[in-house]
Protein backbone atom coordinates (compact mmCIF):
# COMPACT_ATOMS: atom_id res chain seq x y z
CA UNK A 1 150.68 -89.13 -5.66
CA UNK A 2 154.33 -88.79 -4.65
CA UNK A 3 156.32 -86.34 -6.76
CA UNK A 4 159.64 -87.50 -5.28
CA UNK A 5 160.29 -91.06 -4.12
CA UNK A 6 163.66 -92.04 -2.62
CA UNK A 7 164.43 -95.62 -1.71
CA UNK A 8 167.57 -96.95 -0.06
CA UNK A 9 169.58 -93.89 -0.99
CA UNK A 10 173.24 -94.17 -0.12
CA UNK A 11 176.20 -91.97 -1.05
CA UNK A 12 179.87 -92.68 -0.40
CA UNK A 13 182.46 -90.02 -1.18
CA UNK A 14 186.20 -90.74 -0.96
CA UNK A 15 185.48 -93.81 1.12
CA UNK A 16 183.29 -91.97 3.64
CA UNK A 17 179.60 -92.83 3.92
CA UNK A 18 177.72 -89.54 3.64
CA UNK A 19 174.16 -90.87 3.25
CA UNK A 20 172.87 -94.31 4.14
CA UNK A 21 169.52 -96.05 3.60
CA UNK A 22 167.47 -92.87 3.19
CA UNK A 23 163.81 -93.36 2.22
CA UNK A 24 161.58 -90.38 1.43
CA UNK A 25 158.17 -89.78 -0.11
CA UNK A 26 157.26 -86.20 -1.04
CA UNK A 27 153.64 -85.76 -2.08
CA UNK A 28 152.96 -83.60 -5.12
CA UNK A 29 152.31 -79.96 -4.28
CA UNK A 30 153.83 -80.13 -0.80
CA UNK A 31 156.87 -78.54 0.82
CA UNK A 32 159.40 -80.80 2.55
CA UNK A 33 161.92 -79.03 4.76
CA UNK A 34 165.16 -80.98 5.26
CA UNK A 35 166.89 -80.18 8.53
CA UNK A 36 169.94 -81.36 10.40
CA UNK A 37 173.16 -80.21 12.03
CA UNK A 38 176.24 -79.37 9.97
CA UNK A 39 177.64 -82.41 8.19
CA UNK A 40 174.34 -84.29 8.36
CA UNK A 41 174.22 -84.89 4.59
CA UNK A 42 171.67 -82.27 3.51
CA UNK A 43 173.64 -80.90 0.56
CA UNK A 44 174.55 -84.41 -0.57
CA UNK A 45 170.85 -85.28 -0.58
CA UNK A 46 170.22 -82.30 -2.89
CA UNK A 47 173.00 -83.48 -5.18
CA UNK A 48 171.58 -87.00 -5.24
CA UNK A 49 168.11 -85.70 -6.14
CA UNK A 50 169.57 -83.60 -8.95
CA UNK A 51 171.69 -86.46 -10.25
CA UNK A 52 175.06 -84.77 -9.77
CA UNK A 53 176.54 -87.37 -7.41
CA UNK A 54 176.75 -91.14 -7.79
CA UNK A 55 174.50 -92.99 -5.42
CA UNK A 56 173.06 -96.35 -4.50
CA UNK A 57 169.30 -96.86 -4.36
CA UNK A 58 166.69 -95.14 -6.50
CA UNK A 59 165.45 -91.59 -6.96
CA UNK A 60 162.19 -91.19 -8.90
CA UNK A 61 160.98 -87.73 -9.93
CA UNK A 62 157.37 -87.65 -11.06
CA UNK A 63 157.33 -91.45 -11.13
CA UNK A 64 160.32 -91.63 -13.49
CA UNK A 65 163.81 -92.85 -12.57
CA UNK A 66 165.36 -91.58 -15.83
CA UNK A 67 168.84 -90.31 -14.93
CA UNK A 68 169.52 -88.47 -18.19
CA UNK A 69 170.32 -84.84 -17.26
CA UNK A 70 168.04 -83.28 -19.89
CA UNK A 71 165.08 -85.47 -18.92
CA UNK A 72 165.54 -84.79 -15.22
CA UNK A 73 165.98 -81.04 -15.79
CA UNK A 74 162.47 -80.84 -17.27
CA UNK A 75 161.01 -82.33 -14.10
CA UNK A 76 163.30 -80.91 -11.41
CA UNK A 77 165.00 -77.54 -10.99
CA UNK A 78 167.78 -77.00 -8.47
CA UNK A 79 168.97 -73.94 -6.56
CA UNK A 80 172.41 -74.93 -5.23
CA UNK A 81 174.05 -73.29 -2.25
CA UNK A 82 177.16 -72.38 -4.26
CA UNK A 83 176.14 -72.11 -7.94
CA UNK A 84 178.70 -71.98 -10.72
CA UNK A 85 178.48 -68.54 -12.35
CA UNK A 86 179.99 -68.25 -15.85
CA UNK A 87 182.25 -65.18 -16.09
CA UNK A 88 180.89 -62.15 -17.90
CA UNK A 89 177.27 -63.32 -18.02
CA UNK A 90 174.43 -60.90 -17.34
CA UNK A 91 171.59 -61.66 -14.95
CA UNK A 92 169.13 -61.94 -17.86
CA UNK A 93 171.40 -64.30 -19.80
CA UNK A 94 171.85 -66.48 -16.73
CA UNK A 95 168.11 -66.71 -16.08
CA UNK A 96 167.54 -67.51 -19.76
CA UNK A 97 169.68 -70.64 -19.31
CA UNK A 98 166.80 -72.03 -17.28
CA UNK A 99 164.84 -72.43 -20.51
CA UNK A 100 167.50 -74.70 -22.06
CA UNK A 101 165.68 -78.00 -21.27
CA UNK A 102 162.73 -76.80 -23.39
CA UNK A 103 164.71 -75.74 -26.45
CA UNK A 104 165.26 -79.21 -27.90
CA UNK A 105 167.08 -79.06 -31.22
CA UNK A 106 166.63 -75.30 -31.52
CA UNK A 107 169.65 -74.69 -29.29
CA UNK A 108 168.63 -71.05 -29.08
CA UNK A 109 166.18 -69.05 -27.01
CA UNK A 110 162.83 -68.17 -28.53
CA UNK A 111 160.91 -64.94 -28.00
CA UNK A 112 158.69 -66.82 -25.55
CA UNK A 113 161.77 -67.96 -23.60
CA UNK A 114 162.93 -64.37 -23.34
CA UNK A 115 159.51 -63.10 -22.25
CA UNK A 116 159.26 -65.78 -19.57
CA UNK A 117 162.73 -64.96 -18.28
CA UNK A 118 161.98 -61.25 -18.06
CA UNK A 119 158.67 -62.02 -16.35
CA UNK A 120 160.37 -64.05 -13.62
CA UNK A 121 162.98 -61.32 -13.09
CA UNK A 122 160.15 -58.84 -12.65
CA UNK A 123 158.33 -61.18 -10.25
CA UNK A 124 161.46 -61.31 -8.06
CA UNK A 125 162.00 -57.53 -8.41
CA UNK A 126 165.26 -58.10 -10.27
CA UNK A 127 164.52 -56.45 -13.63
CA UNK A 128 166.82 -53.52 -12.82
CA UNK A 129 169.72 -56.00 -12.73
CA UNK A 130 168.84 -57.67 -16.04
CA UNK A 131 171.78 -56.18 -17.97
CA UNK A 132 174.24 -56.25 -15.05
CA UNK A 133 177.17 -58.64 -14.97
CA UNK A 134 176.07 -61.30 -12.50
CA UNK A 135 179.50 -61.27 -10.87
CA UNK A 136 179.02 -57.63 -9.80
CA UNK A 137 175.86 -58.30 -7.77
CA UNK A 138 175.81 -58.88 -4.03
CA UNK A 139 175.55 -62.41 -2.67
CA UNK A 140 171.88 -61.97 -1.87
CA UNK A 141 171.09 -60.52 -5.29
CA UNK A 142 172.92 -63.38 -7.01
CA UNK A 143 170.98 -65.90 -4.93
CA UNK A 144 167.70 -64.42 -6.11
CA UNK A 145 168.87 -64.55 -9.74
CA UNK A 146 169.77 -68.22 -9.29
CA UNK A 147 166.27 -68.81 -7.95
CA UNK A 148 164.84 -66.99 -10.98
CA UNK A 149 166.73 -69.35 -13.30
CA UNK A 150 165.19 -72.35 -11.51
CA UNK A 151 161.67 -70.90 -11.62
CA UNK A 152 161.77 -70.07 -15.32
CA UNK A 153 162.38 -73.73 -16.13
CA UNK A 154 158.73 -74.47 -15.20
CA UNK A 155 159.85 -77.75 -13.59
CA UNK A 156 157.14 -79.15 -11.28
CA UNK A 157 159.69 -80.03 -8.56
CA UNK A 158 161.97 -77.39 -7.05
CA UNK A 159 164.93 -78.43 -4.90
CA UNK A 160 166.77 -75.73 -2.94
CA UNK A 161 169.91 -75.96 -0.83
CA UNK A 162 169.84 -73.25 1.85
CA UNK A 163 167.96 -70.77 -0.38
CA UNK A 164 168.09 -67.97 2.21
CA UNK A 165 171.70 -68.37 3.35
CA UNK A 166 173.01 -65.13 1.80
CA UNK A 167 169.93 -62.99 2.44
CA UNK A 168 169.02 -60.49 5.14
CA UNK A 169 165.98 -61.22 7.30
CA UNK A 170 163.54 -59.27 5.13
CA UNK A 171 164.64 -60.97 1.93
CA UNK A 172 164.69 -64.37 3.63
CA UNK A 173 161.00 -64.12 4.42
CA UNK A 174 160.33 -62.49 1.05
CA UNK A 175 161.85 -65.43 -0.83
CA UNK A 176 160.10 -68.05 1.30
CA UNK A 177 156.76 -66.26 0.99
CA UNK A 178 157.24 -66.09 -2.78
CA UNK A 179 158.00 -69.81 -2.88
CA UNK A 180 154.87 -70.53 -0.83
CA UNK A 181 152.83 -68.37 -3.20
CA UNK A 182 154.23 -70.20 -6.26
CA UNK A 183 153.60 -73.51 -4.52
CA UNK A 184 149.92 -72.62 -4.30
CA UNK A 185 149.68 -71.11 -7.79
CA UNK A 186 151.59 -73.77 -9.72
CA UNK A 187 151.17 -76.77 -7.46
CA UNK A 188 154.95 -76.82 -7.04
CA UNK A 189 156.60 -79.56 -5.03
CA UNK A 190 159.40 -78.05 -2.95
CA UNK A 191 162.29 -79.78 -1.20
CA UNK A 192 164.43 -77.24 0.67
CA UNK A 193 167.30 -77.71 3.10
CA UNK A 194 167.16 -75.14 5.88
CA UNK A 195 169.26 -74.25 8.90
CA UNK A 196 166.69 -71.96 10.50
CA UNK A 197 164.28 -74.13 12.51
CA UNK A 198 161.87 -71.25 13.02
CA UNK A 199 161.48 -70.73 9.28
CA UNK A 200 161.14 -74.45 8.70
CA UNK A 201 158.32 -74.47 11.24
CA UNK A 202 156.54 -71.68 9.40
CA UNK A 203 156.82 -72.89 5.80
CA UNK A 204 157.27 -76.66 5.69
CA UNK A 205 154.27 -78.97 5.26
CA UNK A 206 156.46 -81.81 6.47
CA UNK A 207 159.98 -81.91 7.89
CA UNK A 208 162.75 -84.50 7.73
CA UNK A 209 165.80 -84.51 9.99
CA UNK A 210 169.14 -85.95 8.90
CA UNK A 211 171.95 -86.79 11.30
CA UNK A 212 175.24 -88.42 10.30
CA UNK A 213 173.75 -89.39 6.95
CA UNK A 214 170.61 -91.08 8.25
CA UNK A 215 167.00 -90.00 8.32
CA UNK A 216 166.26 -89.87 12.04
CA UNK A 217 162.91 -88.06 12.21
CA UNK A 218 160.11 -87.21 9.82
CA UNK A 219 156.63 -85.78 10.21
CA UNK A 220 154.64 -82.60 10.44
CA UNK A 221 156.33 -79.52 11.92
CA UNK A 222 154.40 -80.08 15.17
CA UNK A 223 155.65 -83.67 15.36
CA UNK A 224 159.27 -82.90 14.55
CA UNK A 225 159.95 -79.50 16.11
CA UNK A 226 159.55 -80.38 19.76
CA UNK A 227 161.89 -79.19 22.54
CA UNK A 228 163.03 -82.79 23.03
CA UNK A 229 163.90 -83.30 19.37
CA UNK A 230 165.70 -79.97 19.09
CA UNK A 231 167.67 -80.70 22.23
CA UNK A 232 168.55 -84.20 21.04
CA UNK A 233 169.81 -83.39 17.56
CA UNK A 234 171.02 -79.79 17.89
CA UNK A 235 172.02 -79.75 21.55
CA UNK A 236 170.22 -76.50 22.39
CA UNK A 237 167.46 -75.56 24.80
CA UNK A 238 164.31 -74.46 22.97
CA UNK A 239 160.62 -73.86 23.48
CA UNK A 240 158.04 -74.39 20.74
CA UNK A 241 154.47 -73.21 20.21
CA UNK A 242 152.09 -74.74 17.68
CA UNK A 243 149.62 -72.34 16.05
CA UNK A 244 146.06 -73.28 15.12
CA UNK A 245 147.13 -73.77 11.49
CA UNK A 246 149.93 -76.16 12.48
CA UNK A 247 152.81 -73.73 12.09
CA UNK A 248 155.46 -73.92 14.78
CA UNK A 249 157.20 -71.02 16.51
CA UNK A 250 160.67 -71.92 17.82
CA UNK A 251 162.52 -69.92 20.46
CA UNK A 252 166.07 -70.90 21.42
CA UNK A 253 167.36 -69.86 24.84
CA UNK A 254 170.85 -69.46 26.22
CA UNK A 255 171.90 -72.26 28.51
CA UNK A 256 171.80 -71.49 32.20
CA UNK A 257 175.23 -71.15 33.81
CA UNK A 258 176.25 -73.23 36.82
CA UNK A 259 177.96 -71.75 39.86
CA UNK A 260 181.32 -71.69 38.06
CA UNK A 261 179.88 -69.77 35.12
CA UNK A 262 179.82 -72.77 32.78
CA UNK A 263 176.86 -73.44 30.51
CA UNK A 264 174.84 -76.46 31.55
CA UNK A 265 173.70 -79.16 29.13
CA UNK A 266 170.01 -78.79 28.23
CA UNK A 267 167.57 -81.54 29.04
CA UNK A 268 164.30 -82.23 27.32
CA UNK A 269 161.98 -84.44 29.31
CA UNK A 270 162.74 -87.24 31.75
CA UNK A 271 165.27 -88.86 29.43
CA UNK A 272 167.11 -85.67 28.55
CA UNK A 273 168.25 -85.39 24.94
CA UNK A 274 167.05 -88.86 24.02
CA UNK A 275 163.37 -88.17 24.65
CA UNK A 276 160.84 -86.76 22.26
CA UNK A 277 157.55 -87.37 20.50
CA UNK A 278 158.48 -87.69 16.83
CA UNK A 279 157.94 -90.10 14.01
CA UNK A 280 161.36 -91.74 14.24
CA UNK A 281 163.20 -93.29 11.32
CA UNK A 282 166.47 -95.19 11.08
CA UNK A 283 165.76 -97.48 14.01
CA UNK A 284 168.82 -98.71 15.83
CA UNK A 285 170.80 -95.57 15.04
CA UNK A 286 171.98 -93.71 18.12
CA UNK A 287 173.40 -90.19 18.08
CA UNK A 288 176.86 -89.55 19.48
CA UNK A 289 176.99 -89.10 23.21
CA UNK A 290 176.43 -85.56 24.36
């Protein structure tokens, strides 16, 4: 059963079309990695899923298209790239806000809410920051607290916008490994936008590529992360290796210089950047000329 179903999604902001005719199906308990160059529409897709931007088409979470914020918050938790942090709030208080959708008319946190919040902080090795003002933490520490707030909501669908952007390499893998562990334990459905193709190839069950607001490729990591596809949509020269378990290793190389010292344009197959073995979407859409 699909946990997230998107049909004909379109978003226009200040007269500019940011997303157009996007269709997605995310099966329950799977991880969809959303990729694409800068300006492709990845963050806008996250906002559309969370209901924070007006859009055409439909977005169903858990089979329900209810757009009421409280109803959606019980089914979907969001980790934004630039979260709004209330001034003077401690890390524990901020994480506790993740329990708000379950409080109903109580309008106050129960002992169980507090225990759950502390438990998630401990799981993410953040308990030592519980009483610290969130504004005094480093960018990476704040990002982990924001993730803790999303996890404590117990929503079955987790949507993350560049969850590792502010983290060092060790914490990047630590967060993604934790998410994969929670995916297995809780049956979480994860939709995460990522810039790092190598990490997407390691953690995503399926990948979707956006370019100029359209869904241009979708499939397994082995289908999507090919040298031809990477060259076509990112304009870089890469090699890929598929492991026995379907994970993909991606290595990006510097372009070779011509006799004048200028970098040459990479080619991927007989048709250069327009070749590739992927499950293509958005037929009729052509990328800008290289």
